[in-house]
Structure formats: C-alpha cells, structure tokens
Amino acid sequence: MEITRDAIPSLRSTVRAAVSMVPGVGGALDHLFFDKADEIASRNINASLTSLSEEIRKIGEDRINKDWFESEEAIATFKLLFEKIVHEPDKPKIDLLSRVVGVCSTPKNVNDRNKRSVIEHLARLSSIQIRLLSVISKTQVRSQSTNNGGLLHTVEGIWFSDIKNSLESSPPFWEGTLLLDEELDVLVSFNTIARINIFSRSEAVYLVTLVGRRAASYLNAIGP
C-alpha cells in the first residue's frame, strides 16, 4: 500500500485535534491558539512600534544615533523586544520596554554593550514593578540609627517609609490596592533591589543593585 504525503497528518492538524479534545474549552483554545494569536501578535508589535516612534520624537531625531538602527546589535535588540512583547497581556509593559529601546540610540547609551541585558531584566517584571523600580531609584538614600537592646546600629539605605512617601507624592501607576511589600519582595527575588539585614525589624531597608541601577538609568531616561 502506498502512503501519499497528503495522507500524513501535519503537526499543526495533530495539535489542533488534541486542543479540540480539551473538555469544555477545546473550541475556545483552538480559536485562541490558531486564530487569535496572530491577531494579538500583530496588535502588540504595532503598539510597540508606536511607542518607539513617540519616544524618538520626544528625544529628537537630531539627538539619536541613526547608524545604530542599521547595526547587528539593533537587529538583536529588536528581535529580543518583539520576542518579549509579541503575546504580552500587560500593555503598559509593552509601552515601557519599547521606549527603553528608543533610548538605546542616544549618545549616552549607544555604546553600552549591556542594552539587551537591561531589556531581558525588565521583561521579567510587570509594568507596576518596572515603574516601582524607577520610583525607588529616585528615592534618597539616608542613614538612620537603630537601637536594639542597647546596641546602636547605623544603617544607610532606602527606607520602606521613604518609598511609601515617594509613591504617595507621585501620580499612581496602578489600579486598586498596591501590595507594596509583595512587589518589593518580587524585586528582591529578581536581584533588582536588595534588602539590608538590620538588628531592628521595625522597618525594611533596601539598596538598588548594580543590575537594578543600570535598568533604572534607562527607565529614567524615558520621556514623560
């Protein structure tokens, strides 16, 4: 018996058949994976390019290095950006990452070899965590002494209360309730900030890591 090429099921048809068998939601998943996914990707890439264009207009065409956009590094940077945002549901995050790519072309950043590591790092965070990093990086480091059982200890860092005050004096970038403790823990887990161990447990103290500072420098260069 001769088996023709047309008789061999394609991988796509095999996967679609498997998806359709998922109880209750097979049809919805089939539409999502094989119809809507391309639409979402196109919409996100279009939004990304719009944000990039807006950022370059804010910077000024005369203040960017146009040669960078023809470099191999630019190709790798845009490939990474689109990989991260193509199916990203967090729309403000798409805007932020795209604007970061825009400032990659400025004189300050064009020779920085760590551009992609910045994008890679920020892509791990939510838009709220990205904006929170920017706020923390602008919060003043200060020294404060604590007394624990007669032992005086001076700590220099960014205090939780100061972060809270900075957020309260800035326009909110979140909806509902911001669980600040949890968001800070996430930033610590990604080595964006570090928590300082102190004798007194009355208040948490943080420092922005080297990775966090580099990422924040790009964020703080983004236009309002």
C-alpha atoms as a PDB file:
ATOM      1  CA  MET A   1       0.000   0.000   0.000  1.00  0.00           C
ATOM      2  CA  GLU A   2       1.374   3.376  -0.988  1.00  0.00           C
ATOM      3  CA  ILE A   3       1.028   6.194   1.524  1.00  0.00           C
ATOM      4  CA  THR A   4       0.891   9.632  -0.044  1.00  0.00           C
ATOM      5  CA  ARG A   5       2.265  12.783   1.572  1.00  0.00           C
ATOM      6  CA  ASP A   6      -1.255  14.174   1.889  1.00  0.00           C
ATOM      7  CA  ALA A   7      -2.263  11.186   3.992  1.00  0.00           C
ATOM      8  CA  ILE A   8       0.295  12.021   6.693  1.00  0.00           C
ATOM      9  CA  PRO A   9      -1.268  14.412   9.216  1.00  0.00           C
ATOM     10  CA  SER A  10       0.664  17.631   9.714  1.00  0.00           C
ATOM     11  CA  LEU A  11       1.898  18.621  13.149  1.00  0.00           C
ATOM     12  CA  ARG A  12      -0.477  21.586  13.122  1.00  0.00           C
ATOM     13  CA  SER A  13      -3.535  19.436  12.421  1.00  0.00           C
ATOM     14  CA  THR A  14      -2.426  16.942  15.069  1.00  0.00           C
ATOM     15  CA  VAL A  15      -2.071  19.699  17.681  1.00  0.00           C
ATOM     16  CA  ARG A  16      -5.412  21.235  16.703  1.00  0.00           C
ATOM     17  CA  ALA A  17      -7.065  17.871  17.131  1.00  0.00           C
ATOM     18  CA  ALA A  18      -5.524  17.483  20.578  1.00  0.00           C
ATOM     19  CA  VAL A  19      -6.573  21.014  21.580  1.00  0.00           C
ATOM     20  CA  SER A  20     -10.160  20.399  20.473  1.00  0.00           C
ATOM     21  CA  MET A  21     -10.332  17.435  22.854  1.00  0.00           C
ATOM     22  CA  VAL A  22      -9.731  19.554  25.965  1.00  0.00           C
ATOM     23  CA  PRO A  23     -13.019  19.236  27.899  1.00  0.00           C
ATOM     24  CA  GLY A  24     -15.253  22.288  27.879  1.00  0.00           C
ATOM     25  CA  VAL A  25     -12.742  24.791  26.467  1.00  0.00           C
ATOM     26  CA  GLY A  26     -11.290  22.990  23.450  1.00  0.00           C
ATOM     27  CA  GLY A  27     -13.068  25.213  20.945  1.00  0.00           C
ATOM     28  CA  ALA A  28     -12.043  28.403  22.737  1.00  0.00           C
ATOM     29  CA  LEU A  29      -8.415  27.276  22.951  1.00  0.00           C
ATOM     30  CA  ASP A  30      -8.380  26.348  19.280  1.00  0.00           C
ATOM     31  CA  HIS A  31      -9.580  29.849  18.377  1.00  0.00           C
ATOM     32  CA  LEU A  32      -7.053  31.429  20.749  1.00  0.00           C
ATOM     33  CA  PHE A  33      -4.015  29.442  19.591  1.00  0.00           C
ATOM     34  CA  PHE A  34      -4.675  29.218  15.866  1.00  0.00           C
ATOM     35  CA  ASP A  35      -6.721  32.310  15.026  1.00  0.00           C
ATOM     36  CA  LYS A  36      -6.445  34.994  17.679  1.00  0.00           C
ATOM     37  CA  ALA A  37      -2.738  34.525  18.487  1.00  0.00           C
ATOM     38  CA  ASP A  38      -1.634  36.101  15.209  1.00  0.00           C
ATOM     39  CA  GLU A  39      -4.029  38.996  15.721  1.00  0.00           C
ATOM     40  CA  ILE A  40      -2.641  39.627  19.234  1.00  0.00           C
ATOM     41  CA  ALA A  41       0.944  39.465  17.959  1.00  0.00           C
ATOM     42  CA  SER A  42       0.258  41.981  15.180  1.00  0.00           C
ATOM     43  CA  ARG A  43      -1.539  44.333  17.568  1.00  0.00           C
ATOM     44  CA  ASN A  44       1.261  44.202  20.151  1.00  0.00           C
ATOM     45  CA  ILE A  45       4.025  44.763  17.594  1.00  0.00           C
ATOM     46  CA  ASN A  46       2.103  47.717  16.162  1.00  0.00           C
ATOM     47  CA  ALA A  47       1.674  49.187  19.666  1.00  0.00           C
ATOM     48  CA  SER A  48       5.378  48.644  20.324  1.00  0.00           C
ATOM     49  CA  LEU A  49       6.420  50.488  17.176  1.00  0.00           C
ATOM     50  CA  THR A  50       4.023  53.337  18.012  1.00  0.00           C
ATOM     51  CA  SER A  51       5.611  53.742  21.462  1.00  0.00           C
ATOM     52  CA  LEU A  52       9.088  53.586  19.930  1.00  0.00           C
ATOM     53  CA  SER A  53       8.160  56.319  17.437  1.00  0.00           C
ATOM     54  CA  GLU A  54       6.756  58.537  20.186  1.00  0.00           C
ATOM     55  CA  GLU A  55       9.906  58.132  22.265  1.00  0.00           C
ATOM     56  CA  ILE A  56      12.177  59.024  19.345  1.00  0.00           C
ATOM     57  CA  ARG A  57      10.069  62.132  18.661  1.00  0.00           C
ATOM     58  CA  LYS A  58      10.468  63.155  22.305  1.00  0.00           C
ATOM     59  CA  ILE A  59      14.218  62.601  22.194  1.00  0.00           C
ATOM     60  CA  GLY A  60      14.531  64.409  18.856  1.00  0.00           C
ATOM     61  CA  GLU A  61      15.735  62.871  15.607  1.00  0.00           C
ATOM     62  CA  ASP A  62      18.857  65.033  15.739  1.00  0.00           C
ATOM     63  CA  ARG A  63      19.806  63.562  19.117  1.00  0.00           C
ATOM     64  CA  ILE A  64      19.780  59.866  18.228  1.00  0.00           C
ATOM     65  CA  ASN A  65      22.430  57.770  16.529  1.00  0.00           C
ATOM     66  CA  LYS A  66      20.703  56.711  13.321  1.00  0.00           C
ATOM     67  CA  ASP A  67      23.580  54.400  12.401  1.00  0.00           C
ATOM     68  CA  TRP A  68      22.720  52.255  15.413  1.00  0.00           C
ATOM     69  CA  PHE A  69      19.407  51.307  13.778  1.00  0.00           C
ATOM     70  CA  GLU A  70      21.371  49.680  10.957  1.00  0.00           C
ATOM     71  CA  SER A  71      23.678  47.690  13.235  1.00  0.00           C
ATOM     72  CA  GLU A  72      23.675  43.998  14.127  1.00  0.00           C
ATOM     73  CA  GLU A  73      23.125  44.998  17.741  1.00  0.00           C
ATOM     74  CA  ALA A  74      19.926  46.803  16.773  1.00  0.00           C
ATOM     75  CA  ILE A  75      18.667  43.703  14.957  1.00  0.00           C
ATOM     76  CA  ALA A  76      19.350  41.577  18.044  1.00  0.00           C
ATOM     77  CA  THR A  77      17.744  44.186  20.318  1.00  0.00           C
ATOM     78  CA  PHE A  78      14.537  44.427  18.283  1.00  0.00           C
ATOM     79  CA  LYS A  79      14.361  40.660  17.918  1.00  0.00           C
ATOM     80  CA  LEU A  80      14.563  40.371  21.711  1.00  0.00           C
ATOM     81  CA  LEU A  81      11.965  43.116  22.200  1.00  0.00           C
ATOM     82  CA  PHE A  82       9.432  41.507  19.850  1.00  0.00           C
ATOM     83  CA  GLU A  83      10.071  38.099  21.411  1.00  0.00           C
ATOM     84  CA  LYS A  84       9.183  39.546  24.816  1.00  0.00           C
ATOM     85  CA  ILE A  85       6.096  41.554  23.815  1.00  0.00           C
ATOM     86  CA  VAL A  86       4.534  39.533  20.991  1.00  0.00           C
ATOM     87  CA  HIS A  87       1.940  37.890  23.275  1.00  0.00           C
ATOM     88  CA  GLU A  88       2.370  40.098  26.355  1.00  0.00           C
ATOM     89  CA  PRO A  89      -1.005  40.914  28.009  1.00  0.00           C
ATOM     90  CA  ASP A  90       0.460  43.772  30.118  1.00  0.00           C
ATOM     91  CA  LYS A  91       0.006  46.695  27.674  1.00  0.00           C
ATOM     92  CA  PRO A  92       1.817  49.356  29.764  1.00  0.00           C
ATOM     93  CA  LYS A  93       4.795  46.975  29.891  1.00  0.00           C
ATOM     94  CA  ILE A  94       4.882  46.866  26.078  1.00  0.00           C
ATOM     95  CA  ASP A  95       4.984  50.660  26.077  1.00  0.00           C
ATOM     96  CA  LEU A  96       7.795  50.825  28.649  1.00  0.00           C
ATOM     97  CA  LEU A  97      10.012  48.191  27.013  1.00  0.00           C
ATOM     98  CA  SER A  98       9.572  49.814  23.598  1.00  0.00           C
ATOM     99  CA  ARG A  99      10.516  53.234  24.953  1.00  0.00           C
ATOM    100  CA  VAL A 100      13.601  51.724  26.572  1.00  0.00           C
ATOM    101  CA  VAL A 101      14.677  50.507  23.125  1.00  0.00           C
ATOM    102  CA  GLY A 102      14.165  54.063  21.907  1.00  0.00           C
ATOM    103  CA  VAL A 103      16.688  55.476  24.389  1.00  0.00           C
ATOM    104  CA  CYS A 104      19.190  52.768  23.395  1.00  0.00           C
ATOM    105  CA  SER A 105      20.066  55.008  20.440  1.00  0.00           C
ATOM    106  CA  THR A 106      21.013  58.095  22.462  1.00  0.00           C
ATOM    107  CA  PRO A 107      24.672  59.178  22.798  1.00  0.00           C
ATOM    108  CA  LYS A 108      24.650  58.117  26.458  1.00  0.00           C
ATOM    109  CA  ASN A 109      23.576  54.539  25.733  1.00  0.00           C
ATOM    110  CA  VAL A 110      24.584  53.763  22.168  1.00  0.00           C
ATOM    111  CA  ASN A 111      27.962  52.305  23.210  1.00  0.00           C
ATOM    112  CA  ASP A 112      26.592  50.403  26.206  1.00  0.00           C
ATOM    113  CA  ARG A 113      27.062  46.696  25.492  1.00  0.00           C
ATOM    114  CA  ASN A 114      24.506  45.746  28.131  1.00  0.00           C
ATOM    115  CA  LYS A 115      21.396  47.063  26.366  1.00  0.00           C
ATOM    116  CA  ARG A 116      19.902  43.625  25.807  1.00  0.00           C
ATOM    117  CA  SER A 117      20.585  42.544  29.380  1.00  0.00           C
ATOM    118  CA  VAL A 118      18.592  45.584  30.531  1.00  0.00           C
ATOM    119  CA  ILE A 119      15.647  44.620  28.311  1.00  0.00           C
ATOM    120  CA  GLU A 120      15.957  40.976  29.378  1.00  0.00           C
ATOM    121  CA  HIS A 121      15.878  42.012  33.033  1.00  0.00           C
ATOM    122  CA  LEU A 122      12.971  44.446  32.712  1.00  0.00           C
ATOM    123  CA  ALA A 123      10.988  41.900  30.679  1.00  0.00           C
ATOM    124  CA  ARG A 124      10.874  39.670  33.760  1.00  0.00           C
ATOM    125  CA  LEU A 125       8.982  42.344  35.692  1.00  0.00           C
ATOM    126  CA  SER A 126       5.422  43.622  35.446  1.00  0.00           C
ATOM    127  CA  SER A 127       4.759  47.209  34.388  1.00  0.00           C
ATOM    128  CA  ILE A 128       3.986  48.068  38.017  1.00  0.00           C
ATOM    129  CA  GLN A 129       7.290  46.610  39.184  1.00  0.00           C
ATOM    130  CA  ILE A 130       9.149  48.449  36.418  1.00  0.00           C
ATOM    131  CA  ARG A 131       7.591  51.766  37.436  1.00  0.00           C
ATOM    132  CA  LEU A 132       8.225  50.966  41.091  1.00  0.00           C
ATOM    133  CA  LEU A 133      11.922  50.430  40.341  1.00  0.00           C
ATOM    134  CA  SER A 134      12.054  53.883  38.779  1.00  0.00           C
ATOM    135  CA  VAL A 135      10.495  55.427  41.897  1.00  0.00           C
ATOM    136  CA  ILE A 136      12.853  53.554  44.237  1.00  0.00           C
ATOM    137  CA  SER A 137      15.919  54.598  42.230  1.00  0.00           C
ATOM    138  CA  LYS A 138      14.932  58.252  42.711  1.00  0.00           C
ATOM    139  CA  THR A 139      14.262  57.887  46.441  1.00  0.00           C
ATOM    140  CA  GLN A 140      17.048  59.350  48.533  1.00  0.00           C
ATOM    141  CA  VAL A 141      19.408  57.052  50.409  1.00  0.00           C
ATOM    142  CA  ARG A 142      19.711  58.106  54.041  1.00  0.00           C
ATOM    143  CA  SER A 143      21.356  56.968  57.251  1.00  0.00           C
ATOM    144  CA  GLN A 144      19.385  56.132  60.347  1.00  0.00           C
ATOM    145  CA  SER A 145      20.441  54.712  63.678  1.00  0.00           C
ATOM    146  CA  THR A 146      18.516  51.947  65.410  1.00  0.00           C
ATOM    147  CA  ASN A 147      18.888  50.776  68.983  1.00  0.00           C
ATOM    148  CA  ASN A 148      18.380  47.116  69.732  1.00  0.00           C
ATOM    149  CA  GLY A 149      18.916  46.108  73.353  1.00  0.00           C
ATOM    150  CA  GLY A 150      21.452  48.852  73.935  1.00  0.00           C
ATOM    151  CA  LEU A 151      23.351  48.116  70.706  1.00  0.00           C
ATOM    152  CA  LEU A 152      23.416  51.154  68.415  1.00  0.00           C
ATOM    153  CA  HIS A 153      23.458  50.328  64.708  1.00  0.00           C
ATOM    154  CA  THR A 154      23.579  52.852  61.856  1.00  0.00           C
ATOM    155  CA  VAL A 155      22.047  51.768  58.567  1.00  0.00           C
ATOM    156  CA  GLU A 156      22.329  53.544  55.228  1.00  0.00           C
ATOM    157  CA  GLY A 157      19.807  52.669  52.557  1.00  0.00           C
ATOM    158  CA  ILE A 158      16.386  53.360  51.099  1.00  0.00           C
ATOM    159  CA  TRP A 159      13.837  53.003  53.862  1.00  0.00           C
ATOM    160  CA  PHE A 160      10.397  51.488  53.332  1.00  0.00           C
ATOM    161  CA  SER A 161       8.686  54.591  54.717  1.00  0.00           C
ATOM    162  CA  ASP A 162      10.563  56.793  52.223  1.00  0.00           C
ATOM    163  CA  ILE A 163       9.489  54.561  49.310  1.00  0.00           C
ATOM    164  CA  LYS A 164       5.903  54.792  50.556  1.00  0.00           C
ATOM    165  CA  ASN A 165       6.157  58.585  50.798  1.00  0.00           C
ATOM    166  CA  SER A 166       7.596  58.792  47.276  1.00  0.00           C
ATOM    167  CA  LEU A 167       4.675  56.757  45.942  1.00  0.00           C
ATOM    168  CA  GLU A 168       2.123  58.888  47.783  1.00  0.00           C
ATOM    169  CA  SER A 169       3.577  62.070  46.283  1.00  0.00           C
ATOM    170  CA  SER A 170       3.639  60.669  42.726  1.00  0.00           C
ATOM    171  CA  PRO A 171       0.762  60.037  40.282  1.00  0.00           C
ATOM    172  CA  PRO A 172      -0.485  56.457  40.824  1.00  0.00           C
ATOM    173  CA  PHE A 173       0.527  53.955  38.154  1.00  0.00           C
ATOM    174  CA  TRP A 174      -1.587  51.091  39.494  1.00  0.00           C
ATOM    175  CA  GLU A 175      -5.257  50.306  39.866  1.00  0.00           C
ATOM    176  CA  GLY A 176      -6.885  49.221  43.096  1.00  0.00           C
ATOM    177  CA  THR A 177      -4.592  48.444  46.019  1.00  0.00           C
ATOM    178  CA  LEU A 178      -0.823  48.292  45.607  1.00  0.00           C
ATOM    179  CA  LEU A 179       0.602  45.469  47.741  1.00  0.00           C
ATOM    180  CA  LEU A 180       3.911  47.226  48.244  1.00  0.00           C
ATOM    181  CA  ASP A 181       5.508  44.581  50.472  1.00  0.00           C
ATOM    182  CA  GLU A 182       4.835  41.855  47.894  1.00  0.00           C
ATOM    183  CA  GLU A 183       6.038  43.940  44.946  1.00  0.00           C
ATOM    184  CA  LEU A 184       9.267  44.761  46.780  1.00  0.00           C
ATOM    185  CA  ASP A 185       9.773  41.062  47.541  1.00  0.00           C
ATOM    186  CA  VAL A 186       9.465  40.298  43.820  1.00  0.00           C
ATOM    187  CA  LEU A 187      12.084  42.942  43.002  1.00  0.00           C
ATOM    188  CA  VAL A 188      14.364  41.378  45.618  1.00  0.00           C
ATOM    189  CA  SER A 189      13.822  37.902  44.138  1.00  0.00           C
ATOM    190  CA  PHE A 190      14.934  39.175  40.716  1.00  0.00           C
ATOM    191  CA  ASN A 191      18.028  40.860  42.185  1.00  0.00           C
ATOM    192  CA  THR A 192      16.718  44.277  41.170  1.00  0.00           C
ATOM    193  CA  ILE A 193      16.927  45.557  44.722  1.00  0.00           C
ATOM    194  CA  ALA A 194      18.479  44.029  47.836  1.00  0.00           C
ATOM    195  CA  ARG A 195      17.131  44.034  51.356  1.00  0.00           C
ATOM    196  CA  ILE A 196      19.589  45.053  54.076  1.00  0.00           C
ATOM    197  CA  ASN A 197      19.632  42.935  57.218  1.00  0.00           C
ATOM    198  CA  ILE A 198      19.364  45.104  60.316  1.00  0.00           C
ATOM    199  CA  PHE A 199      19.007  44.348  64.008  1.00  0.00           C
ATOM    200  CA  SER A 200      15.719  46.197  64.318  1.00  0.00           C
ATOM    201  CA  ARG A 201      12.822  44.674  62.433  1.00  0.00           C
ATOM    202  CA  SER A 202      10.649  47.757  62.711  1.00  0.00           C
ATOM    203  CA  GLU A 203      11.184  48.755  59.098  1.00  0.00           C
ATOM    204  CA  ALA A 204      12.700  47.262  55.948  1.00  0.00           C
ATOM    205  CA  VAL A 205      15.677  48.921  54.244  1.00  0.00           C
ATOM    206  CA  TYR A 206      16.753  48.402  50.629  1.00  0.00           C
ATOM    207  CA  LEU A 207      19.501  49.183  48.147  1.00  0.00           C
ATOM    208  CA  VAL A 208      19.245  49.153  44.371  1.00  0.00           C
ATOM    209  CA  THR A 209      21.603  46.514  42.956  1.00  0.00           C
ATOM    210  CA  LEU A 210      24.032  47.149  40.110  1.00  0.00           C
ATOM    211  CA  VAL A 211      21.641  45.420  37.719  1.00  0.00           C
ATOM    212  CA  GLY A 212      18.752  47.469  39.068  1.00  0.00           C
ATOM    213  CA  ARG A 213      20.685  50.735  38.751  1.00  0.00           C
ATOM    214  CA  ARG A 214      21.584  50.056  35.147  1.00  0.00           C
ATOM    215  CA  ALA A 215      17.964  49.227  34.296  1.00  0.00           C
ATOM    216  CA  ALA A 216      16.721  52.285  36.200  1.00  0.00           C
ATOM    217  CA  SER A 217      19.078  54.551  34.259  1.00  0.00           C
ATOM    218  CA  TYR A 218      17.289  53.568  31.047  1.00  0.00           C
ATOM    219  CA  LEU A 219      13.861  53.954  32.644  1.00  0.00           C
ATOM    220  CA  ASN A 220      14.680  57.390  33.991  1.00  0.00           C
ATOM    221  CA  ALA A 221      15.821  58.488  30.534  1.00  0.00           C
ATOM    222  CA  ILE A 222      12.361  57.815  29.110  1.00  0.00           C
ATOM    223  CA  GLY A 223      10.340  60.921  28.404  1.00  0.00           C
ATOM    224  CA  PRO A 224       7.219  61.643  30.470  1.00  0.00           C
END
